[in-house]
Amino acid sequence: MTNQGLLDKVIEVFDGEIMIPNQWRVDGSNGKQYTVNWDKYHRQYSCTCLGYTYRRKCRHITELSNSFYLKRKGVSNVKNIWK
């Protein structure tokens, strides 16, 4: 699969929008949109949702990270379980 194909699949499955490299706009469960960022230097994600603000982890990051991991492992049917 090409890089563009992988990006299209992530957008389709995760229902997110890639804004700039290493940054995704995702829909929350309450209809709000959040931004998930990947800091390639510190190798960590961040999110603009309140869950990440208070706990330093959130389901938006978990789902995005898991979708990349499963895609790399070759799992073809990656589901978005929180929507």
Protein backbone atom coordinates (compact mmCIF):
# COMPACT_ATOMS: atom_id res chain seq x y z
CA MET A 1 0.00 0.00 0.00
CA THR A 2 1.29 3.44 -0.89
CA ASN A 3 1.65 6.22 1.66
CA GLN A 4 -1.33 8.04 0.17
CA GLY A 5 -3.37 4.83 0.31
CA LEU A 6 -2.47 4.39 3.96
CA LEU A 7 -3.43 7.99 4.74
CA ASP A 8 -6.75 7.58 2.92
CA LYS A 9 -7.45 4.39 4.87
CA VAL A 10 -6.66 6.05 8.23
CA ILE A 11 -8.99 8.95 7.38
CA GLU A 12 -11.75 6.54 6.31
CA VAL A 13 -11.43 4.19 9.29
CA PHE A 14 -10.61 6.67 12.02
CA ASP A 15 -12.88 9.41 10.66
CA GLY A 16 -10.13 11.97 11.09
CA GLU A 17 -8.62 14.60 8.85
CA ILE A 18 -4.90 15.09 8.35
CA MET A 19 -4.22 18.80 8.69
CA ILE A 20 -0.44 18.98 8.29
CA PRO A 21 2.21 16.26 8.65
CA ASN A 22 1.99 14.67 12.11
CA GLN A 23 -1.27 16.45 12.97
CA TRP A 24 -4.83 15.07 12.70
CA ARG A 25 -8.25 16.60 13.34
CA VAL A 26 -10.54 14.02 14.93
CA ASP A 27 -14.19 13.99 15.95
CA GLY A 28 -15.00 13.48 19.61
CA SER A 29 -17.97 11.54 20.93
CA ASN A 30 -19.87 14.77 21.71
CA GLY A 31 -19.50 16.28 18.23
CA LYS A 32 -16.52 18.52 19.01
CA GLN A 33 -13.36 18.35 16.93
CA TYR A 34 -9.94 17.90 18.51
CA THR A 35 -6.41 18.04 17.17
CA VAL A 36 -3.97 15.19 17.78
CA ASN A 37 -0.29 16.04 17.28
CA TRP A 38 2.74 13.76 17.02
CA ASP A 39 5.99 15.27 18.28
CA LYS A 40 8.65 13.37 16.34
CA TYR A 41 11.48 14.72 18.50
CA HIS A 42 9.99 13.69 21.84
CA ARG A 43 8.18 10.72 20.26
CA GLN A 44 4.84 11.36 21.91
CA TYR A 45 1.29 12.36 21.04
CA SER A 46 -0.72 15.26 22.43
CA CYS A 47 -4.40 16.16 22.04
CA THR A 48 -6.48 19.29 22.55
CA CYS A 49 -9.26 17.46 24.44
CA LEU A 50 -9.87 17.88 28.17
CA GLY A 51 -9.03 14.23 28.84
CA TYR A 52 -5.47 14.76 27.63
CA THR A 53 -5.23 18.12 29.39
CA TYR A 54 -5.99 16.53 32.77
CA ARG A 55 -4.71 12.95 32.43
CA ARG A 56 -2.07 13.15 29.67
CA LYS A 57 -3.88 10.35 27.82
CA CYS A 58 -7.12 10.14 25.88
CA ARG A 59 -9.06 7.81 23.62
CA HIS A 60 -8.35 9.95 20.56
CA ILE A 61 -4.63 9.28 20.89
CA THR A 62 -5.18 5.63 21.80
CA GLU A 63 -7.39 4.98 18.78
CA LEU A 64 -5.12 6.83 16.36
CA SER A 65 -2.00 5.10 17.65
CA ASN A 66 -3.70 1.68 17.62
CA SER A 67 -4.93 2.19 14.06
CA PHE A 68 -1.36 2.89 12.90
CA TYR A 69 -0.01 -0.09 14.86
CA LEU A 70 -2.63 -2.51 13.55
CA LYS A 71 -2.20 -1.28 9.99
CA ARG A 72 1.55 -1.84 10.27
CA LYS A 73 0.89 -5.36 11.56
CA GLY A 74 -1.27 -6.05 8.51
CA VAL A 75 -4.71 -6.06 10.12
CA SER A 76 -7.01 -5.00 7.30
CA ASN A 77 -10.21 -4.30 9.24
CA VAL A 78 -9.33 -1.64 11.81
CA LYS A 79 -12.46 -0.48 13.63
CA ASN A 80 -13.15 2.74 15.45
CA ILE A 81 -14.73 1.38 18.66
CA TRP A 82 -15.49 4.65 20.44
CA LYS A 83 -17.84 6.20 17.93
